[in-house]
Amino acid sequence: MATVTQFWSDPVLQKTATVRWTWKLGDRDFYWGFSVRPFQANNTAEVTRLISSSDNDLNQVTILDVTVRGIGSPDIGLLRFTAIKVQEP
């Protein structure tokens, strides 16, 4: 059976409508899934672009472009990022 490990960020405040976030998670050998969710009421978060990048040492970084829309409020908000890693035993 596969092992699933979940990673959470601390809540972060996005102060402008669209921001590029960088998370030093990921590798080439396992499945990784990434998401971002509003951490407050009356807010919408949309991942508009997902980029994976590796350096010469195969260290990987995941880049998420996120757009926040306030519902009846300014386009700012608290967000929580999550990632999962799935690997075979």
N, C-alpha and C. Protein backbone atom coordinates (compact mmCIF):
# COMPACT_ATOMS: atom_id res chain seq x y z
N MET A 1 0.84 -1.17 0.00
CA MET A 1 0.00 0.00 0.00
C MET A 1 0.89 1.24 0.00
N ALA A 2 0.47 2.26 -0.71
CA ALA A 2 1.24 3.49 -0.81
C ALA A 2 1.22 4.27 0.50
N THR A 3 2.28 5.00 0.73
CA THR A 3 2.37 5.90 1.88
C THR A 3 2.11 7.32 1.40
N VAL A 4 1.19 8.00 2.07
CA VAL A 4 0.87 9.39 1.73
C VAL A 4 1.32 10.28 2.88
N THR A 5 2.11 11.28 2.57
CA THR A 5 2.57 12.25 3.56
C THR A 5 2.03 13.62 3.18
N GLN A 6 1.45 14.32 4.15
CA GLN A 6 0.89 15.64 3.87
C GLN A 6 1.74 16.72 4.53
N PHE A 7 1.89 17.83 3.83
CA PHE A 7 2.65 18.99 4.32
C PHE A 7 1.72 20.19 4.32
N TRP A 8 1.79 21.02 5.37
CA TRP A 8 0.97 22.23 5.47
C TRP A 8 1.89 23.42 5.66
N SER A 9 1.51 24.54 5.08
CA SER A 9 2.20 25.80 5.40
C SER A 9 1.49 26.44 6.57
N ASP A 10 2.17 27.34 7.25
CA ASP A 10 1.46 28.22 8.17
C ASP A 10 0.57 29.12 7.33
N PRO A 11 -0.53 29.64 7.87
CA PRO A 11 -1.34 30.58 7.10
C PRO A 11 -0.49 31.80 6.69
N VAL A 12 -0.67 32.23 5.45
CA VAL A 12 0.06 33.39 4.94
C VAL A 12 -0.94 34.42 4.43
N LEU A 13 -0.58 35.68 4.53
CA LEU A 13 -1.44 36.76 4.07
C LEU A 13 -0.98 37.21 2.69
N GLN A 14 -1.88 37.12 1.73
CA GLN A 14 -1.62 37.62 0.38
C GLN A 14 -2.26 38.99 0.28
N LYS A 15 -1.43 40.03 0.08
CA LYS A 15 -1.91 41.41 0.13
C LYS A 15 -2.25 42.00 -1.23
N THR A 16 -1.93 41.32 -2.32
CA THR A 16 -2.31 41.79 -3.65
C THR A 16 -3.05 40.67 -4.37
N ALA A 17 -3.75 41.01 -5.44
CA ALA A 17 -4.63 40.05 -6.10
C ALA A 17 -3.89 38.81 -6.59
N THR A 18 -2.74 38.97 -7.25
CA THR A 18 -2.00 37.82 -7.78
C THR A 18 -0.56 37.86 -7.30
N VAL A 19 -0.09 36.73 -6.77
CA VAL A 19 1.27 36.62 -6.24
C VAL A 19 1.87 35.29 -6.68
N ARG A 20 3.19 35.28 -6.91
CA ARG A 20 3.92 34.03 -7.20
C ARG A 20 4.55 33.54 -5.90
N TRP A 21 4.14 32.34 -5.46
CA TRP A 21 4.66 31.73 -4.23
C TRP A 21 5.63 30.61 -4.62
N THR A 22 6.71 30.48 -3.87
CA THR A 22 7.70 29.43 -4.11
C THR A 22 7.77 28.52 -2.89
N TRP A 23 7.70 27.21 -3.14
CA TRP A 23 7.74 26.23 -2.06
C TRP A 23 8.82 25.21 -2.39
N LYS A 24 9.80 25.02 -1.51
CA LYS A 24 10.90 24.10 -1.75
C LYS A 24 10.49 22.68 -1.38
N LEU A 25 9.55 22.15 -2.14
CA LEU A 25 9.08 20.77 -1.97
C LEU A 25 8.97 20.12 -3.34
N GLY A 26 9.19 18.82 -3.37
CA GLY A 26 9.04 18.05 -4.59
C GLY A 26 10.31 17.29 -4.92
N ASP A 27 10.16 16.25 -5.71
CA ASP A 27 11.29 15.51 -6.24
C ASP A 27 10.82 14.79 -7.49
N ARG A 28 11.74 14.18 -8.20
CA ARG A 28 11.40 13.54 -9.48
C ARG A 28 10.94 12.10 -9.34
N ASP A 29 11.06 11.54 -8.14
CA ASP A 29 10.83 10.11 -7.96
C ASP A 29 9.44 9.74 -7.45
N PHE A 30 8.68 10.70 -6.94
CA PHE A 30 7.38 10.39 -6.35
C PHE A 30 6.32 11.34 -6.87
N TYR A 31 5.06 10.94 -6.69
CA TYR A 31 3.95 11.82 -7.05
C TYR A 31 3.82 12.91 -5.99
N TRP A 32 3.65 14.14 -6.44
CA TRP A 32 3.40 15.29 -5.56
C TRP A 32 2.15 16.00 -6.04
N GLY A 33 1.31 16.38 -5.11
CA GLY A 33 0.13 17.19 -5.42
C GLY A 33 0.16 18.44 -4.55
N PHE A 34 -0.26 19.56 -5.12
CA PHE A 34 -0.22 20.84 -4.41
C PHE A 34 -1.57 21.52 -4.50
N SER A 35 -1.94 22.24 -3.44
CA SER A 35 -3.18 23.03 -3.47
C SER A 35 -3.05 24.23 -2.55
N VAL A 36 -3.95 25.16 -2.73
CA VAL A 36 -4.04 26.32 -1.85
C VAL A 36 -5.52 26.54 -1.56
N ARG A 37 -5.82 26.85 -0.30
CA ARG A 37 -7.20 27.04 0.13
C ARG A 37 -7.31 28.35 0.92
N PRO A 38 -8.47 29.02 0.82
CA PRO A 38 -8.67 30.19 1.68
C PRO A 38 -8.64 29.76 3.15
N PHE A 39 -8.06 30.58 3.99
CA PHE A 39 -7.99 30.29 5.42
C PHE A 39 -8.88 31.26 6.19
N GLN A 40 -9.82 31.87 5.50
CA GLN A 40 -10.75 32.81 6.12
C GLN A 40 -12.06 32.77 5.35
N ALA A 41 -13.07 33.39 5.91
CA ALA A 41 -14.39 33.43 5.27
C ALA A 41 -14.40 34.45 4.14
N ASN A 42 -15.36 34.28 3.22
CA ASN A 42 -15.62 35.24 2.14
C ASN A 42 -14.40 35.50 1.27
N ASN A 43 -13.76 34.41 0.81
CA ASN A 43 -12.56 34.55 0.01
C ASN A 43 -12.47 33.42 -0.99
N THR A 44 -11.83 33.67 -2.12
CA THR A 44 -11.61 32.67 -3.16
C THR A 44 -10.13 32.68 -3.52
N ALA A 45 -9.54 31.50 -3.65
CA ALA A 45 -8.14 31.37 -4.08
C ALA A 45 -8.11 30.50 -5.33
N GLU A 46 -7.39 30.97 -6.34
CA GLU A 46 -7.28 30.24 -7.61
C GLU A 46 -5.81 30.08 -7.97
N VAL A 47 -5.38 28.84 -8.24
CA VAL A 47 -4.03 28.61 -8.75
C VAL A 47 -4.10 28.85 -10.25
N THR A 48 -3.45 29.92 -10.72
CA THR A 48 -3.51 30.26 -12.14
C THR A 48 -2.35 29.67 -12.92
N ARG A 49 -1.30 29.24 -12.21
CA ARG A 49 -0.16 28.62 -12.88
C ARG A 49 0.60 27.79 -11.86
N LEU A 50 1.04 26.60 -12.28
CA LEU A 50 1.85 25.71 -11.43
C LEU A 50 3.10 25.35 -12.21
N ILE A 51 4.26 25.61 -11.62
CA ILE A 51 5.54 25.38 -12.28
C ILE A 51 6.41 24.52 -11.36
N SER A 52 7.08 23.52 -11.93
CA SER A 52 8.07 22.74 -11.19
C SER A 52 9.42 22.99 -11.83
N SER A 53 10.44 23.21 -10.99
CA SER A 53 11.76 23.54 -11.49
C SER A 53 12.81 22.77 -10.69
N SER A 54 13.88 22.34 -11.37
CA SER A 54 14.97 21.66 -10.67
C SER A 54 16.30 22.30 -11.05
N ASP A 55 17.28 22.22 -10.13
CA ASP A 55 18.61 22.77 -10.40
C ASP A 55 19.56 21.64 -10.80
N ASN A 56 20.84 21.95 -10.93
CA ASN A 56 21.84 20.96 -11.35
C ASN A 56 21.97 19.79 -10.38
N ASP A 57 21.62 20.00 -9.12
CA ASP A 57 21.68 18.93 -8.11
C ASP A 57 20.35 18.22 -7.94
N LEU A 58 19.40 18.49 -8.83
CA LEU A 58 18.06 17.91 -8.83
C LEU A 58 17.24 18.32 -7.61
N ASN A 59 17.61 19.43 -6.95
CA ASN A 59 16.74 20.00 -5.92
C ASN A 59 15.55 20.63 -6.64
N GLN A 60 14.36 20.35 -6.16
CA GLN A 60 13.18 20.85 -6.85
C GLN A 60 12.44 21.90 -6.04
N VAL A 61 11.84 22.80 -6.78
CA VAL A 61 11.03 23.88 -6.23
C VAL A 61 9.71 23.88 -6.98
N THR A 62 8.62 24.11 -6.26
CA THR A 62 7.30 24.24 -6.88
C THR A 62 6.88 25.70 -6.76
N ILE A 63 6.44 26.26 -7.87
CA ILE A 63 6.05 27.67 -7.94
C ILE A 63 4.56 27.72 -8.26
N LEU A 64 3.80 28.43 -7.44
CA LEU A 64 2.36 28.56 -7.65
C LEU A 64 2.01 30.03 -7.81
N ASP A 65 1.39 30.39 -8.94
CA ASP A 65 0.82 31.72 -9.10
C ASP A 65 -0.61 31.64 -8.59
N VAL A 66 -0.94 32.47 -7.60
CA VAL A 66 -2.24 32.41 -6.93
C VAL A 66 -2.93 33.76 -7.05
N THR A 67 -4.20 33.72 -7.44
CA THR A 67 -5.04 34.91 -7.49
C THR A 67 -6.09 34.80 -6.39
N VAL A 68 -6.22 35.86 -5.60
CA VAL A 68 -7.19 35.91 -4.51
C VAL A 68 -8.28 36.90 -4.87
N ARG A 69 -9.53 36.51 -4.63
CA ARG A 69 -10.67 37.39 -4.84
C ARG A 69 -11.47 37.44 -3.56
N GLY A 70 -11.60 38.64 -3.02
CA GLY A 70 -12.45 38.81 -1.85
C GLY A 70 -13.91 38.83 -2.28
N ILE A 71 -14.78 38.28 -1.47
CA ILE A 71 -16.22 38.30 -1.74
C ILE A 71 -16.80 39.41 -0.89
N GLY A 72 -17.07 40.55 -1.52
CA GLY A 72 -17.56 41.71 -0.78
C GLY A 72 -16.49 42.39 0.04
N SER A 73 -15.22 42.13 -0.30
CA SER A 73 -14.10 42.72 0.43
C SER A 73 -12.94 42.90 -0.54
N PRO A 74 -11.87 43.57 -0.13
CA PRO A 74 -10.71 43.74 -1.02
C PRO A 74 -10.11 42.39 -1.42
N ASP A 75 -9.33 42.41 -2.51
CA ASP A 75 -8.69 41.19 -3.01
C ASP A 75 -7.42 40.88 -2.23
N ILE A 76 -7.58 40.60 -0.94
CA ILE A 76 -6.50 40.14 -0.08
C ILE A 76 -7.05 38.97 0.73
N GLY A 77 -6.18 38.17 1.34
CA GLY A 77 -6.72 37.10 2.16
C GLY A 77 -5.66 36.20 2.74
N LEU A 78 -6.06 35.50 3.80
CA LEU A 78 -5.22 34.47 4.41
C LEU A 78 -5.36 33.18 3.61
N LEU A 79 -4.21 32.54 3.35
CA LEU A 79 -4.19 31.31 2.57
C LEU A 79 -3.44 30.23 3.34
N ARG A 80 -3.77 28.97 3.04
CA ARG A 80 -2.98 27.84 3.54
C ARG A 80 -2.65 26.96 2.33
N PHE A 81 -1.36 26.67 2.18
CA PHE A 81 -0.89 25.78 1.13
C PHE A 81 -0.75 24.38 1.69
N THR A 82 -1.09 23.38 0.88
CA THR A 82 -0.88 21.99 1.28
C THR A 82 -0.22 21.24 0.13
N ALA A 83 0.52 20.20 0.49
CA ALA A 83 1.14 19.33 -0.49
C ALA A 83 1.03 17.90 0.01
N ILE A 84 0.94 16.97 -0.93
CA ILE A 84 0.99 15.56 -0.56
C ILE A 84 2.08 14.88 -1.39
N LYS A 85 2.72 13.91 -0.77
CA LYS A 85 3.73 13.08 -1.42
C LYS A 85 3.24 11.64 -1.32
N VAL A 86 3.19 10.96 -2.44
CA VAL A 86 2.74 9.57 -2.47
C VAL A 86 3.92 8.70 -2.90
N GLN A 87 4.23 7.70 -2.07
CA GLN A 87 5.34 6.81 -2.40
C GLN A 87 4.99 5.37 -2.05
N GLU A 88 5.59 4.48 -2.79
CA GLU A 88 5.42 3.05 -2.52
C GLU A 88 6.33 2.65 -1.37
N PRO A 89 5.90 1.67 -0.57
CA PRO A 89 6.75 1.23 0.55
C PRO A 89 8.03 0.56 0.06
